[in-house]
Amino acid sequence: MRVLLVEDDAALGEAIARQLRAENFAVDLATNGEDGGHLGATERYDAAILDLGLPKRDGLSILQEWRAEGATLPVLILTARDGWSDKVQGFKAGADDYLTKPFRIDELVMRLRALVRRASGHAASIITCGPLAFDSSTGQFELDGLPLRLTAFEWRVLSALMLRKEIVVERMDLLERVYEGDADVDSNSLEVIVGRLRRKIGADRIETVRGRGYRLTAEAA
């Protein structure tokens, strides 16, 4: 999962990004509204965390522009503005959730996971595909009831496939959800990650759709 974080407090932004990365998210951090608005409009993200009081452009105008242009990514507003009218304005602008500062980082992570899950069309927190189970509220995978140990890159690929189980996920779509915007990506890195996942969950569980991408399936070949 790849997240856009737009936060002008450098120390807070780095702290949030560090915690999200520890939870296996890929994070792009923008420290002003101009950069954040551009990234949200041109890059592919699973969700965005958006402050309101930003230099160069305010968060509400960014969100309104994203929605006017048809962007459907889930947006969580994270702000010190805790008045009722501020919350009303945020939701009217197109926010999916609203969290005020100060906040607990674990609550932010859980809200973010819930937004991504619902945006993918899953109501329940536990998602299954054959012997594989994904608890989207905790980020934990199990195979045949046993915890599955994954690297951050493996987790990002498998979670993207799990949220779209039985659907072909385009190769470029997966790449954009695995790596942060400034990453130097090797041409066959995705194939290496998929190969490692096949060894962990079964080679026949991830199907290669030639010329397109990959599909996670519950049916063993």
Protein backbone atom coordinates (compact mmCIF):
# COMPACT_ATOMS: atom_id res chain seq x y z
CA MET A 1 0.00 0.00 0.00
CA ARG A 2 1.25 3.45 -0.90
CA VAL A 3 0.18 6.55 1.01
CA LEU A 4 0.54 10.27 0.34
CA LEU A 5 1.21 12.28 3.50
CA VAL A 6 0.84 16.07 3.23
CA GLU A 7 2.11 17.64 6.47
CA ASP A 8 4.05 20.91 6.85
CA ASP A 9 5.43 20.14 10.33
CA ALA A 10 8.67 18.42 9.25
CA ALA A 11 9.28 16.60 12.54
CA LEU A 12 5.70 15.34 12.79
CA GLY A 13 5.63 14.36 9.13
CA GLU A 14 8.82 12.33 9.45
CA ALA A 15 7.54 10.67 12.63
CA ILE A 16 4.27 9.65 10.96
CA ALA A 17 6.07 8.44 7.84
CA ARG A 18 8.50 6.41 9.94
CA GLN A 19 5.66 4.70 11.82
CA LEU A 20 3.70 3.98 8.63
CA ARG A 21 6.79 2.45 7.04
CA ALA A 22 7.21 0.30 10.14
CA GLU A 23 3.68 -0.94 9.37
CA ASN A 24 4.84 -1.79 5.80
CA PHE A 25 3.27 1.21 4.02
CA ALA A 26 5.17 3.01 1.28
CA VAL A 27 4.98 6.75 2.06
CA ASP A 28 5.53 9.87 -0.03
CA LEU A 29 5.82 12.97 2.17
CA ALA A 30 4.99 16.47 0.92
CA THR A 31 5.61 19.46 3.22
CA ASN A 32 3.53 22.07 1.39
CA GLY A 33 0.17 22.24 -0.34
CA GLU A 34 1.53 22.87 -3.82
CA ASP A 35 3.65 19.71 -3.87
CA GLY A 36 0.98 17.66 -2.11
CA GLY A 37 -1.73 18.73 -4.53
CA HIS A 38 0.44 17.88 -7.51
CA LEU A 39 1.39 14.43 -6.19
CA GLY A 40 -2.19 13.54 -5.37
CA ALA A 41 -3.30 14.54 -8.86
CA THR A 42 -0.54 12.78 -10.80
CA GLU A 43 0.54 9.73 -8.78
CA ARG A 44 -1.32 6.58 -7.76
CA TYR A 45 -1.99 6.13 -4.03
CA ASP A 46 -4.13 3.84 -1.90
CA ALA A 47 -4.94 6.76 0.42
CA ALA A 48 -3.88 10.28 1.41
CA ILE A 49 -3.38 11.91 4.81
CA LEU A 50 -3.95 15.64 4.41
CA ASP A 51 -3.33 18.53 6.79
CA LEU A 52 -5.46 21.65 6.32
CA GLY A 53 -3.17 24.50 7.37
CA LEU A 54 -0.47 24.18 4.73
CA PRO A 55 1.95 26.68 3.13
CA LYS A 56 1.38 27.63 -0.53
CA ARG A 57 -2.06 25.95 -0.71
CA ASP A 58 -4.56 25.01 1.98
CA GLY A 59 -5.75 21.45 2.35
CA LEU A 60 -9.41 22.15 1.61
CA SER A 61 -8.68 23.63 -1.81
CA ILE A 62 -6.44 20.66 -2.63
CA LEU A 63 -9.14 18.19 -1.68
CA GLN A 64 -11.82 20.08 -3.59
CA GLU A 65 -9.61 20.09 -6.69
CA TRP A 66 -8.90 16.35 -6.42
CA ARG A 67 -12.61 15.57 -6.18
CA ALA A 68 -13.50 17.96 -9.00
CA GLU A 69 -10.99 16.14 -11.20
CA GLY A 70 -12.56 12.78 -10.33
CA ALA A 71 -9.96 11.47 -7.87
CA THR A 72 -11.51 8.75 -5.71
CA LEU A 73 -8.61 7.92 -3.40
CA PRO A 74 -9.62 7.82 0.29
CA VAL A 75 -8.57 11.01 2.10
CA LEU A 76 -8.10 11.31 5.86
CA ILE A 77 -7.82 14.89 7.10
CA LEU A 78 -5.32 15.22 9.94
CA THR A 79 -5.44 18.67 11.52
CA ALA A 80 -5.44 20.73 14.68
CA ARG A 81 -8.75 22.33 13.61
CA ASP A 82 -11.24 20.61 15.89
CA GLY A 83 -14.30 22.83 15.49
CA TRP A 84 -17.57 21.37 14.23
CA SER A 85 -17.67 23.80 11.30
CA ASP A 86 -14.14 22.72 10.29
CA LYS A 87 -15.22 19.09 10.23
CA VAL A 88 -18.32 19.92 8.21
CA GLN A 89 -16.21 21.80 5.67
CA GLY A 90 -13.78 18.89 5.46
CA PHE A 91 -16.45 16.31 4.76
CA LYS A 92 -18.24 18.60 2.31
CA ALA A 93 -14.96 19.00 0.43
CA GLY A 94 -14.78 15.23 0.04
CA ALA A 95 -12.93 13.85 3.06
CA ASP A 96 -13.55 10.23 4.02
CA ASP A 97 -12.34 10.60 7.61
CA TYR A 98 -11.25 13.36 9.97
CA LEU A 99 -8.77 13.06 12.84
CA THR A 100 -7.67 15.94 15.07
CA LYS A 101 -4.26 16.62 16.62
CA PRO A 102 -2.99 15.53 19.07
CA PHE A 103 -3.71 11.93 18.10
CA ARG A 104 -2.57 8.37 18.72
CA ILE A 105 -0.49 6.98 15.87
CA ASP A 106 -2.04 3.53 16.24
CA GLU A 107 -5.49 5.06 15.74
CA LEU A 108 -4.28 6.80 12.59
CA VAL A 109 -2.92 3.50 11.24
CA MET A 110 -6.16 1.63 11.95
CA ARG A 111 -8.31 4.34 10.38
CA LEU A 112 -6.05 4.34 7.33
CA ARG A 113 -6.26 0.58 6.93
CA ALA A 114 -10.05 0.72 7.22
CA LEU A 115 -10.27 3.40 4.53
CA VAL A 116 -8.15 1.37 2.12
CA ARG A 117 -10.14 -1.80 2.82
CA ARG A 118 -13.52 -0.15 2.25
CA ALA A 119 -12.29 1.61 -0.89
CA SER A 120 -11.40 -1.85 -2.24
CA GLY A 121 -14.96 -3.04 -1.64
CA HIS A 122 -14.47 -5.11 1.53
CA ALA A 123 -16.81 -4.55 4.47
CA ALA A 124 -15.35 -7.14 6.86
CA SER A 125 -11.87 -6.67 8.30
CA ILE A 126 -10.89 -10.31 7.67
CA ILE A 127 -10.36 -11.08 3.97
CA THR A 128 -9.77 -14.64 2.83
CA CYS A 129 -8.58 -16.26 -0.38
CA GLY A 130 -8.34 -20.03 -0.12
CA PRO A 131 -6.01 -20.89 2.81
CA LEU A 132 -4.77 -17.32 3.00
CA ALA A 133 -6.33 -14.84 5.45
CA PHE A 134 -5.60 -11.13 5.82
CA ASP A 135 -6.65 -9.17 8.90
CA SER A 136 -6.83 -5.69 7.40
CA SER A 137 -7.25 -4.08 10.83
CA THR A 138 -3.86 -5.34 12.04
CA GLY A 139 -2.09 -5.93 8.74
CA GLN A 140 -1.41 -9.59 9.64
CA PHE A 141 -1.46 -12.47 7.14
CA GLU A 142 -2.08 -16.10 7.99
CA LEU A 143 -1.64 -19.22 5.87
CA ASP A 144 -3.60 -22.28 7.01
CA GLY A 145 -4.13 -20.53 10.35
CA LEU A 146 -0.45 -19.84 10.97
CA PRO A 147 1.20 -16.38 10.90
CA LEU A 148 2.95 -15.59 7.63
CA ARG A 149 6.30 -13.80 7.85
CA LEU A 150 6.74 -11.22 5.07
CA THR A 151 9.17 -8.47 4.20
CA ALA A 152 7.76 -4.96 3.69
CA PHE A 153 7.88 -5.33 -0.12
CA GLU A 154 6.26 -8.77 0.01
CA TRP A 155 3.53 -7.41 2.29
CA ARG A 156 2.78 -4.52 -0.07
CA VAL A 157 2.47 -6.80 -3.10
CA LEU A 158 0.42 -9.45 -1.31
CA SER A 159 -1.92 -6.91 0.30
CA ALA A 160 -2.54 -5.28 -3.09
CA LEU A 161 -3.34 -8.67 -4.61
CA MET A 162 -5.46 -9.70 -1.61
CA LEU A 163 -7.61 -6.58 -1.68
CA ARG A 164 -8.28 -7.37 -5.36
CA LYS A 165 -8.39 -11.15 -5.10
CA GLU A 166 -9.44 -13.05 -8.22
CA ILE A 167 -8.89 -9.85 -10.25
CA VAL A 168 -5.90 -9.18 -12.50
CA VAL A 169 -3.77 -6.41 -11.00
CA GLU A 170 -1.74 -4.63 -13.63
CA ARG A 171 2.04 -4.83 -13.29
CA MET A 172 2.44 -1.04 -13.24
CA ASP A 173 -0.30 -0.75 -10.64
CA LEU A 174 1.61 -3.12 -8.36
CA LEU A 175 4.92 -1.32 -8.92
CA GLU A 176 3.35 2.01 -8.00
CA ARG A 177 1.94 0.56 -4.79
CA VAL A 178 5.21 -1.08 -3.70
CA TYR A 179 7.77 1.67 -4.14
CA GLU A 180 7.94 5.25 -2.93
CA GLY A 181 8.16 8.02 -5.49
CA ASP A 182 11.92 8.56 -5.25
CA ALA A 183 12.86 4.85 -5.27
CA ASP A 184 15.33 3.50 -7.82
CA VAL A 185 13.44 0.46 -9.12
CA ASP A 186 15.17 -2.45 -10.84
CA SER A 187 13.35 -3.71 -13.94
CA ASN A 188 12.79 -7.25 -12.61
CA SER A 189 12.28 -6.39 -8.93
CA LEU A 190 8.55 -7.15 -8.97
CA GLU A 191 9.16 -10.59 -10.46
CA VAL A 192 11.66 -11.32 -7.69
CA ILE A 193 9.13 -10.34 -5.01
CA VAL A 194 6.37 -12.41 -6.61
CA GLY A 195 8.76 -15.36 -6.81
CA ARG A 196 9.47 -15.12 -3.08
CA LEU A 197 5.74 -14.92 -2.32
CA ARG A 198 5.04 -18.03 -4.40
CA ARG A 199 7.57 -19.96 -2.35
CA LYS A 200 5.79 -18.85 0.85
CA ILE A 201 2.11 -19.28 -0.12
CA GLY A 202 2.25 -21.76 -2.99
CA ALA A 203 3.34 -21.28 -6.58
CA ASP A 204 -0.15 -21.82 -7.98
CA ARG A 205 -1.76 -19.13 -5.80
CA ILE A 206 -0.38 -16.20 -7.82
CA GLU A 207 -1.18 -16.49 -11.50
CA THR A 208 0.83 -14.59 -14.12
CA VAL A 209 -1.42 -13.05 -16.77
CA ARG A 210 0.95 -12.50 -19.65
CA GLY A 211 1.23 -8.91 -20.83
CA ARG A 212 -0.89 -7.61 -17.95
CA GLY A 213 0.06 -8.54 -14.41
CA TYR A 214 -0.86 -10.96 -11.63
CA ARG A 215 -3.94 -12.48 -10.03
CA LEU A 216 -4.28 -14.00 -6.56
CA THR A 217 -6.59 -16.99 -6.74
CA ALA A 218 -8.17 -19.31 -4.19
CA GLU A 219 -8.23 -22.25 -6.61
CA ALA A 220 -5.14 -24.44 -6.63
CA ALA A 221 -4.04 -25.53 -10.10
